[in-house]
N, C-alpha and C. Protein backbone atom coordinates (compact mmCIF):
# COMPACT_ATOMS: atom_id res chain seq x y z
N UNK A 1 -4.73 -6.79 -12.02
CA UNK A 1 -3.91 -7.52 -10.47
C UNK A 1 -5.06 -7.74 -9.60
N UNK A 2 -4.95 -8.33 -8.86
CA UNK A 2 -5.98 -8.79 -7.28
C UNK A 2 -5.07 -8.05 -6.46
N UNK A 3 -5.56 -6.85 -6.47
CA UNK A 3 -4.90 -6.26 -4.99
C UNK A 3 -5.38 -6.99 -3.61
N UNK A 4 -6.61 -7.51 -3.16
CA UNK A 4 -7.31 -7.64 -2.47
C UNK A 4 -6.33 -8.74 -1.57
N UNK A 5 -5.84 -9.35 -1.98
CA UNK A 5 -4.72 -10.45 -1.56
C UNK A 5 -3.71 -9.79 -0.74
N UNK A 6 -3.26 -8.79 -1.09
CA UNK A 6 -2.27 -7.68 -0.51
C UNK A 6 -2.95 -6.85 0.69
N UNK A 7 -4.08 -5.98 0.51
CA UNK A 7 -4.44 -5.29 1.48
C UNK A 7 -5.72 -6.08 2.31
N UNK A 8 -5.74 -5.36 3.14
CA UNK A 8 -6.50 -5.58 4.46
C UNK A 8 -7.20 -4.20 5.21
N UNK A 9 -8.42 -4.53 5.59
CA UNK A 9 -8.78 -3.28 6.27
C UNK A 9 -9.45 -3.89 7.73
N UNK A 10 -8.67 -3.87 9.01
CA UNK A 10 -8.85 -4.42 10.16
C UNK A 10 -9.48 -2.90 11.37
N UNK A 11 -10.16 -2.96 12.10
CA UNK A 11 -10.14 -1.97 13.21
C UNK A 11 -9.21 -2.27 14.03
N UNK A 12 -9.02 -3.14 14.14
CA UNK A 12 -7.91 -3.51 15.26
C UNK A 12 -6.17 -3.38 14.74
N UNK A 13 -6.18 -2.80 13.45
CA UNK A 13 -4.95 -2.18 12.92
C UNK A 13 -4.99 -1.15 12.35
N UNK A 14 -4.19 0.01 12.65
CA UNK A 14 -4.01 1.44 12.32
C UNK A 14 -5.26 2.00 12.57
N UNK A 15 -6.19 1.78 13.30
CA UNK A 15 -7.62 2.50 13.29
C UNK A 15 -8.45 2.04 12.18
N UNK A 16 -8.27 0.89 11.63
CA UNK A 16 -9.08 0.45 10.14
C UNK A 16 -8.61 0.89 9.19
N UNK A 17 -7.42 2.02 9.02
CA UNK A 17 -7.01 2.41 7.82
C UNK A 17 -6.55 0.92 6.76
N UNK A 18 -6.39 1.13 5.59
CA UNK A 18 -6.40 0.22 4.76
C UNK A 18 -4.49 -0.20 4.59
N UNK A 19 -4.38 -1.40 4.68
CA UNK A 19 -2.66 -1.41 5.28
C UNK A 19 -2.38 -2.61 4.53
N UNK A 20 -1.23 -3.06 4.47
CA UNK A 20 -0.49 -3.87 3.54
C UNK A 20 -0.74 -5.15 4.69
N UNK A 21 -1.17 -6.38 4.07
CA UNK A 21 -1.66 -7.24 4.99
C UNK A 21 -0.32 -8.08 5.56
N UNK A 22 -0.21 -8.13 6.76
CA UNK A 22 0.77 -8.53 7.56
C UNK A 22 1.69 -7.56 7.88
N UNK A 23 1.11 -6.13 7.63
CA UNK A 23 2.34 -5.48 8.29
C UNK A 23 1.32 -4.04 8.83
N UNK A 24 2.11 -3.07 9.27
CA UNK A 24 1.02 -1.93 9.93
C UNK A 24 1.30 -0.83 9.04
N UNK A 25 2.08 -0.94 7.79
CA UNK A 25 2.19 -0.23 6.83
C UNK A 25 0.73 -0.05 5.90
N UNK A 26 0.58 1.75 5.84
CA UNK A 26 -0.62 1.82 5.46
C UNK A 26 -0.87 2.24 3.92
N UNK A 27 -1.93 2.00 3.29
CA UNK A 27 -1.78 2.40 2.07
C UNK A 27 -1.31 4.05 1.60
N UNK A 28 -1.98 4.91 2.66
CA UNK A 28 -1.71 6.51 2.63
C UNK A 28 -0.14 6.64 2.79
N UNK A 29 0.58 5.46 3.58
CA UNK A 29 1.74 6.21 3.39
C UNK A 29 2.75 5.65 2.49
N UNK A 30 2.27 4.35 1.77
CA UNK A 30 3.11 4.12 0.37
C UNK A 30 2.58 5.33 -0.57
N UNK A 31 1.63 5.78 -0.84
CA UNK A 31 1.10 6.44 -1.71
C UNK A 31 2.01 7.74 -1.49
N UNK A 32 1.98 7.92 -0.53
CA UNK A 32 2.75 9.54 0.12
C UNK A 32 4.38 9.06 -0.16
N UNK A 33 5.10 8.07 -0.32
CA UNK A 33 5.98 7.80 -0.60
C UNK A 33 6.39 7.95 -2.14
N UNK A 34 5.21 7.44 -2.98
CA UNK A 34 5.61 7.78 -4.46
C UNK A 34 5.41 9.03 -4.38
N UNK A 35 4.19 9.54 -3.76
CA UNK A 35 4.15 11.07 -4.48
C UNK A 35 5.36 12.26 -4.08
N UNK A 36 6.01 11.65 -2.98
CA UNK A 36 7.42 12.37 -2.94
C UNK A 36 8.58 11.85 -3.68
N UNK A 37 8.23 11.10 -4.72
CA UNK A 37 9.31 10.83 -5.40
C UNK A 37 10.21 9.63 -5.32
N UNK A 38 9.83 8.70 -4.18
CA UNK A 38 10.50 7.44 -3.98
C UNK A 38 10.05 6.55 -4.94
N UNK A 39 11.42 5.61 -5.20
CA UNK A 39 11.06 4.55 -6.23
C UNK A 39 10.55 3.39 -5.42
N UNK A 40 10.34 2.33 -6.02
CA UNK A 40 9.87 1.11 -5.47
C UNK A 40 10.81 0.60 -4.66
N UNK A 41 12.19 0.75 -5.05
CA UNK A 41 13.27 0.16 -4.19
C UNK A 41 13.40 0.91 -2.71
N UNK A 42 13.17 2.29 -3.06
CA UNK A 42 13.53 2.90 -2.04
C UNK A 42 12.26 2.75 -0.88
N UNK A 43 11.21 2.43 -1.24
CA UNK A 43 10.08 2.04 -0.54
C UNK A 43 10.27 0.80 0.20
N UNK A 44 10.70 -0.26 -0.49
CA UNK A 44 11.28 -1.81 0.09
C UNK A 44 12.02 -1.60 1.20
N UNK A 45 13.09 -0.26 0.79
CA UNK A 45 14.40 -0.13 1.75
C UNK A 45 13.81 0.24 3.31
N UNK A 46 12.69 1.48 2.93
CA UNK A 46 12.27 1.94 4.09
C UNK A 46 11.44 1.02 4.81
N UNK A 47 10.52 0.29 3.93
CA UNK A 47 9.49 -0.69 5.02
C UNK A 47 10.20 -1.96 4.22
N UNK A 48 10.84 -2.78 5.21
CA UNK A 48 11.30 -3.92 4.80
C UNK A 48 10.39 -5.17 4.93
N UNK A 49 9.33 -5.03 5.77
CA UNK A 49 8.14 -5.83 5.77
C UNK A 49 7.21 -5.67 4.63
N UNK A 50 7.52 -4.96 3.63
CA UNK A 50 6.60 -4.57 2.40
C UNK A 50 7.46 -5.54 1.15
N UNK A 51 6.44 -6.01 0.18
CA UNK A 51 6.93 -6.40 -1.15
C UNK A 51 6.55 -5.99 -2.21
N UNK A 52 7.74 -6.13 -3.02
CA UNK A 52 7.14 -5.17 -4.42
C UNK A 52 5.72 -5.66 -4.87
N UNK A 53 5.25 -6.62 -4.98
CA UNK A 53 3.83 -7.06 -5.46
C UNK A 53 2.81 -6.26 -4.23
N UNK A 54 3.08 -6.09 -3.28
CA UNK A 54 2.15 -5.08 -2.48
C UNK A 54 2.19 -4.04 -2.65
N UNK A 55 3.47 -3.26 -3.25
CA UNK A 55 3.74 -1.85 -3.44
C UNK A 55 2.95 -1.80 -4.87
N UNK A 56 2.86 -2.73 -5.85
CA UNK A 56 2.20 -2.62 -6.93
C UNK A 56 0.71 -3.10 -6.84
N UNK A 57 0.48 -3.49 -5.69
CA UNK A 57 -1.17 -3.47 -5.36
C UNK A 57 -1.47 -2.26 -4.88
N UNK A 58 -0.89 -1.61 -4.17
CA UNK A 58 -1.31 -0.35 -3.56
C UNK A 58 -1.50 0.24 -5.03
N UNK A 59 -0.74 0.33 -5.83
CA UNK A 59 -0.63 1.60 -6.95
C UNK A 59 -2.03 0.81 -7.92
N UNK A 60 -2.33 -0.49 -7.79
CA UNK A 60 -3.31 -0.60 -8.72
C UNK A 60 -4.86 -0.09 -8.06
N UNK A 61 -4.33 -0.35 -6.71
CA UNK A 61 -5.48 0.09 -5.74
C UNK A 61 -6.21 1.30 -6.09
N UNK A 62 -5.09 2.09 -6.04
CA UNK A 62 -5.19 3.56 -6.09
C UNK A 62 -6.15 4.01 -7.71
N UNK A 63 -5.65 3.36 -8.39
CA UNK A 63 -5.57 3.32 -10.13
C UNK A 63 -7.21 3.10 -10.55
N UNK A 64 -7.59 2.20 -9.66
CA UNK A 64 -9.20 1.30 -9.53
C UNK A 64 -10.15 2.51 -8.72
N UNK A 65 -9.60 3.01 -7.76
CA UNK A 65 -10.11 3.86 -7.13
C UNK A 65 -10.27 5.10 -7.87
N UNK A 66 -9.47 5.48 -8.68
CA UNK A 66 -9.46 6.90 -9.33
C UNK A 66 -10.56 6.63 -10.61
N UNK A 67 -10.26 5.55 -11.18
CA UNK A 67 -11.54 5.34 -12.25
C UNK A 67 -12.73 5.15 -11.42
N UNK A 68 -13.25 4.81 -10.45
CA UNK A 68 -14.38 4.68 -9.54
C UNK A 68 -14.82 6.00 -9.67
N UNK A 69 -14.20 6.80 -9.40
CA UNK A 69 -14.19 8.12 -8.95
C UNK A 69 -14.79 8.88 -10.01
């Protein structure tokens, strides 16, 4: 998956944290929700500006990052 089309880091948005493009929802927020047991559908309800492909991009990014470490 090309997660780069869904994620952006901009110093003007959320202090430069990685966020889903077009939102102020951080990667950390999505991963924390998943870690707490939230489903993708629950995340989409909690964050209406986020799309399912964007949540999947967050997961792909986290998996890729874990492989690199």
